[in-house]
Amino acid sequence: MNKQLPRKYTCRYITDDLPVDGSLTHSAWSKAEWTDDFEDIEGSSKPIPSFKTRAKLLWSDKYLYIGAFLEEPHVWATITKKNSVIFHDNDFEVFIDPDGDSMNYHEFEMNALNTIWELTLVKPYRDGGPVIDPDNIEGLKTAVRVSGTINDSSDTDEGWSLEIAIPWAGLVKYAGTMKCPPSPGDTWRMNFSRVEWKIEIVNGEYVKKPGKEDNWVWSPQGMIDMHQPEHWGYVRFDRSKR
């Protein structure tokens, strides 16, 4: 196992809530630093991902905001039914375990069609779960903006951006010993992942190639398994003026 220290990130506070349109162009996002570029899930000993992925976070009194940009020359997606297994498409994933006890954590996935899947892991799969699927958070907001054209193999795209607004009220049940909303200076365990399938174009259509998908993450896991919460990153909530 290629062991690396978990990543760290400072989440900045905003006083006003954001419009969620997927563009990441609102001025408030300028307060948020980008994460490190995503790496292979197994760590830095593996090849650098083919396409850049990075995320940024903000928080307000009502919401945790997550934004990301996924570089992608061919943006495609097929799944339109909510709470389907989204990683059968290319996707972006969020994992949140506020108190870092590796139990009762939230998993969220979305594709470039803005189709989402939410579930709760009572315990990691290695410990027998169980999984509560689906387990949707009321009031959650998501949006996608494609820089190019989705499901069109005749051109080359830049990629797709996304925004997620998760109400704190929906995260309370995961918080355990942590306050929710957090207090300034609190640190939660989180991770972000991207599933990328290798494709070929056949008669103008995108077709997945046989074999394993790539998994690119913010905080490497050391193995091909996102459900190792002890390897997730640390997100500290800051409320200082900038």
Protein backbone atom coordinates (compact mmCIF):
# COMPACT_ATOMS: atom_id res chain seq x y z
CA MET A 1 0.00 0.00 0.00
CA ASN A 2 1.31 3.45 -0.94
CA LYS A 3 0.67 5.46 2.22
CA GLN A 4 0.40 9.24 2.01
CA LEU A 5 -0.68 11.74 4.62
CA PRO A 6 -4.31 12.82 4.22
CA ARG A 7 -4.81 16.12 2.38
CA LYS A 8 -5.86 19.27 4.22
CA TYR A 9 -8.12 22.11 3.10
CA THR A 10 -9.45 25.34 4.64
CA CYS A 11 -13.11 26.03 3.90
CA ARG A 12 -13.90 29.78 3.89
CA TYR A 13 -17.09 31.32 5.29
CA ILE A 14 -19.52 33.47 3.30
CA THR A 15 -22.37 35.54 4.70
CA ASP A 16 -24.76 35.27 1.76
CA ASP A 17 -26.00 32.11 0.10
CA LEU A 18 -24.95 31.36 -3.47
CA PRO A 19 -27.05 30.78 -6.56
CA VAL A 20 -26.37 27.20 -7.66
CA ASP A 21 -25.98 27.14 -11.44
CA GLY A 22 -22.89 25.01 -11.94
CA SER A 23 -20.74 27.80 -13.35
CA LEU A 24 -18.49 28.67 -10.36
CA THR A 25 -18.53 32.28 -11.61
CA HIS A 26 -20.11 33.94 -8.58
CA SER A 27 -17.68 36.37 -6.94
CA ALA A 28 -17.84 34.49 -3.63
CA TRP A 29 -15.96 31.58 -5.19
CA SER A 30 -12.90 33.83 -5.47
CA LYS A 31 -12.53 33.46 -1.68
CA ALA A 32 -12.10 29.70 -2.04
CA GLU A 33 -8.79 28.09 -2.87
CA TRP A 34 -8.65 25.13 -5.20
CA THR A 35 -7.71 21.79 -3.74
CA ASP A 36 -4.59 20.04 -4.92
CA ASP A 37 -5.10 18.36 -8.27
CA PHE A 38 -6.59 14.91 -7.87
CA GLU A 39 -4.26 11.91 -7.93
CA ASP A 40 -4.72 8.23 -8.64
CA ILE A 41 -6.65 6.63 -5.79
CA GLU A 42 -3.64 4.45 -4.94
CA GLY A 43 -1.31 7.42 -4.58
CA SER A 44 1.59 9.24 -6.19
CA SER A 45 3.40 6.05 -7.23
CA LYS A 46 0.75 5.59 -9.92
CA PRO A 47 0.60 7.57 -13.18
CA ILE A 48 -0.62 11.16 -13.09
CA PRO A 49 -4.29 11.33 -14.18
CA SER A 50 -4.88 12.06 -17.84
CA PHE A 51 -7.22 14.96 -17.09
CA LYS A 52 -7.09 17.57 -14.33
CA THR A 53 -9.69 17.54 -11.55
CA ARG A 54 -9.88 19.92 -8.62
CA ALA A 55 -12.50 21.17 -6.17
CA LYS A 56 -13.19 24.09 -3.86
CA LEU A 57 -15.47 24.60 -0.85
CA LEU A 58 -17.32 27.39 0.94
CA TRP A 59 -19.72 27.45 3.88
CA SER A 60 -22.51 29.69 5.09
CA ASP A 61 -24.93 29.50 8.00
CA LYS A 62 -27.25 27.31 5.89
CA TYR A 63 -25.12 25.34 3.45
CA LEU A 64 -21.89 23.54 2.71
CA TYR A 65 -20.96 24.43 -0.87
CA ILE A 66 -18.82 22.19 -3.07
CA GLY A 67 -17.64 23.18 -6.52
CA ALA A 68 -15.43 21.29 -8.94
CA PHE A 69 -14.08 21.37 -12.47
CA LEU A 70 -13.39 18.16 -14.36
CA GLU A 71 -11.25 18.53 -17.47
CA GLU A 72 -12.73 16.25 -20.12
CA PRO A 73 -12.32 16.34 -23.92
CA HIS A 74 -15.45 14.24 -24.42
CA VAL A 75 -18.20 14.98 -21.90
CA TRP A 76 -20.78 12.20 -21.91
CA ALA A 77 -23.38 10.71 -19.59
CA THR A 78 -26.29 8.31 -19.94
CA ILE A 79 -27.99 7.94 -16.55
CA THR A 80 -31.06 10.11 -15.95
CA LYS A 81 -32.85 8.24 -13.16
CA LYS A 82 -32.19 9.61 -9.67
CA ASN A 83 -30.47 7.23 -7.24
CA SER A 84 -29.16 4.94 -9.95
CA VAL A 85 -25.59 3.64 -9.68
CA ILE A 86 -24.03 6.81 -11.05
CA PHE A 87 -20.44 5.54 -11.29
CA HIS A 88 -21.45 3.47 -14.28
CA ASP A 89 -21.00 6.87 -15.98
CA ASN A 90 -18.08 9.21 -15.46
CA ASP A 91 -18.92 10.95 -12.20
CA PHE A 92 -17.92 13.17 -9.28
CA GLU A 93 -18.27 11.84 -5.74
CA VAL A 94 -18.35 13.33 -2.24
CA PHE A 95 -17.78 11.50 1.05
CA ILE A 96 -18.46 13.18 4.41
CA ASP A 97 -17.76 11.79 7.89
CA PRO A 98 -17.88 14.83 10.22
CA ASP A 99 -16.58 13.19 13.40
CA GLY A 100 -14.10 10.93 11.63
CA ASP A 101 -15.21 7.75 13.37
CA SER A 102 -15.47 5.84 10.04
CA MET A 103 -19.14 5.10 10.73
CA ASN A 104 -22.46 6.65 9.66
CA TYR A 105 -21.12 8.66 6.74
CA HIS A 106 -22.65 10.26 3.65
CA GLU A 107 -21.84 9.38 0.04
CA PHE A 108 -22.98 11.51 -2.89
CA GLU A 109 -22.43 10.99 -6.62
CA MET A 110 -23.41 12.98 -9.72
CA ASN A 111 -22.83 12.81 -13.47
CA ALA A 112 -22.65 15.45 -16.20
CA LEU A 113 -26.43 15.25 -16.71
CA ASN A 114 -26.86 16.40 -13.09
CA THR A 115 -28.29 13.04 -12.06
CA ILE A 116 -27.52 12.28 -8.41
CA TRP A 117 -27.29 9.34 -6.03
CA GLU A 118 -27.14 9.65 -2.24
CA LEU A 119 -26.63 6.92 0.32
CA THR A 120 -25.57 6.34 3.90
CA LEU A 121 -22.93 3.86 5.03
CA VAL A 122 -23.63 2.80 8.61
CA LYS A 123 -20.18 1.18 8.53
CA PRO A 124 -17.69 0.74 5.67
CA TYR A 125 -18.24 -2.23 3.38
CA ARG A 126 -15.21 -3.94 4.94
CA ASP A 127 -17.10 -3.97 8.25
CA GLY A 128 -20.31 -5.27 6.75
CA GLY A 129 -22.16 -2.01 6.12
CA PRO A 130 -25.13 -1.96 5.99
CA VAL A 131 -25.94 0.57 3.29
CA ILE A 132 -29.03 2.78 3.38
CA ASP A 133 -29.76 3.31 -0.32
CA PRO A 134 -31.12 5.72 -1.29
CA ASP A 135 -30.90 8.24 1.54
CA ASN A 136 -31.48 11.68 0.07
CA ILE A 137 -30.93 14.95 1.92
CA GLU A 138 -33.94 17.25 1.76
CA GLY A 139 -33.17 20.63 0.25
CA LEU A 140 -29.89 19.64 -1.41
CA LYS A 141 -29.16 21.63 -4.59
CA THR A 142 -26.98 20.66 -7.55
CA ALA A 143 -26.16 22.05 -10.98
CA VAL A 144 -23.80 21.30 -13.88
CA ARG A 145 -22.32 23.54 -16.57
CA VAL A 146 -20.69 21.86 -19.58
CA SER A 147 -17.86 23.69 -21.33
CA GLY A 148 -18.60 22.18 -24.72
CA THR A 149 -21.43 19.87 -25.78
CA ILE A 150 -22.50 16.79 -23.90
CA ASN A 151 -22.88 13.50 -25.78
CA ASP A 152 -21.53 14.94 -29.02
CA SER A 153 -18.48 13.07 -30.30
CA SER A 154 -17.95 15.43 -33.24
CA ASP A 155 -16.20 18.11 -31.18
CA THR A 156 -13.67 18.48 -28.38
CA ASP A 157 -14.88 19.79 -25.01
CA GLU A 158 -13.06 21.55 -22.19
CA GLY A 159 -14.87 19.70 -19.42
CA TRP A 160 -17.67 20.23 -16.93
CA SER A 161 -18.11 22.17 -13.73
CA LEU A 162 -20.53 21.49 -10.90
CA GLU A 163 -21.92 23.06 -7.77
CA ILE A 164 -23.47 21.32 -4.78
CA ALA A 165 -25.21 23.03 -1.84
CA ILE A 166 -25.82 20.66 1.08
CA PRO A 167 -28.00 22.08 3.88
CA TRP A 168 -26.49 21.62 7.32
CA ALA A 169 -29.88 20.39 8.51
CA GLY A 170 -29.39 17.33 6.31
CA LEU A 171 -25.92 16.59 7.68
CA VAL A 172 -26.86 16.68 11.36
CA LYS A 173 -27.54 12.94 11.47
CA TYR A 174 -23.96 12.27 10.35
CA ALA A 175 -22.30 14.75 12.69
CA GLY A 176 -21.89 12.51 15.73
CA THR A 177 -19.81 14.41 18.27
CA MET A 178 -19.29 17.42 15.97
CA LYS A 179 -21.43 20.53 15.85
CA CYS A 180 -23.53 21.00 12.72
CA PRO A 181 -23.23 23.66 11.38
CA PRO A 182 -19.61 23.49 12.49
CA SER A 183 -17.97 26.00 14.77
CA PRO A 184 -15.08 28.04 13.36
CA GLY A 185 -11.93 25.95 13.62
CA ASP A 186 -13.73 22.62 13.56
CA THR A 187 -12.34 19.96 11.22
CA TRP A 188 -14.37 17.32 9.38
CA ARG A 189 -13.18 14.28 7.42
CA MET A 190 -14.10 14.39 3.72
CA ASN A 191 -12.93 13.12 0.37
CA PHE A 192 -13.75 13.76 -3.28
CA SER A 193 -13.44 11.29 -6.11
CA ARG A 194 -13.78 11.10 -9.87
CA VAL A 195 -14.58 7.95 -11.83
CA GLU A 196 -13.31 8.04 -15.42
CA TRP A 197 -14.06 5.31 -17.95
CA LYS A 198 -11.92 4.74 -21.01
CA ILE A 199 -14.02 5.17 -24.15
CA GLU A 200 -13.89 4.82 -27.88
CA ILE A 201 -16.10 6.37 -30.54
CA VAL A 202 -18.07 3.85 -32.62
CA ASN A 203 -20.35 5.20 -35.36
CA GLY A 204 -20.42 8.54 -33.61
CA GLU A 205 -21.40 7.05 -30.24
CA TYR A 206 -19.36 6.83 -27.03
CA VAL A 207 -18.68 3.24 -26.01
CA LYS A 208 -16.89 2.21 -22.82
CA LYS A 209 -13.84 0.04 -23.39
CA PRO A 210 -13.64 -3.26 -21.51
CA GLY A 211 -11.66 -3.17 -18.30
CA LYS A 212 -11.38 -1.19 -15.11
CA GLU A 213 -12.22 2.47 -14.74
CA ASP A 214 -9.76 5.07 -13.44
CA ASN A 215 -10.34 6.48 -9.96
CA TRP A 216 -8.86 9.90 -9.25
CA VAL A 217 -9.20 11.42 -5.80
CA TRP A 218 -8.32 14.45 -3.70
CA SER A 219 -6.83 12.51 -0.78
CA PRO A 220 -5.27 9.22 -1.97
CA GLN A 221 -6.51 6.03 -0.32
CA GLY A 222 -3.51 3.78 -0.93
CA MET A 223 -5.82 1.18 -2.47
CA ILE A 224 -8.73 1.04 -4.91
CA ASP A 225 -11.38 1.59 -2.24
CA MET A 226 -12.99 4.91 -1.34
CA HIS A 227 -14.49 3.33 1.75
CA GLN A 228 -11.40 3.69 3.90
CA PRO A 229 -12.45 6.85 5.82
CA GLU A 230 -9.24 6.97 7.84
CA HIS A 231 -7.46 8.04 4.63
CA TRP A 232 -9.86 10.86 3.77
CA GLY A 233 -8.76 14.47 3.95
CA TYR A 234 -9.25 17.07 6.67
CA VAL A 235 -11.48 20.08 5.97
CA ARG A 236 -11.16 22.91 8.51
CA PHE A 237 -13.91 25.53 8.71
CA ASP A 238 -12.58 29.08 8.89
CA ARG A 239 -14.61 32.21 9.61
CA SER A 240 -11.91 34.89 9.51
CA LYS A 241 -12.34 37.84 7.16
CA ARG A 242 -10.26 37.83 3.99
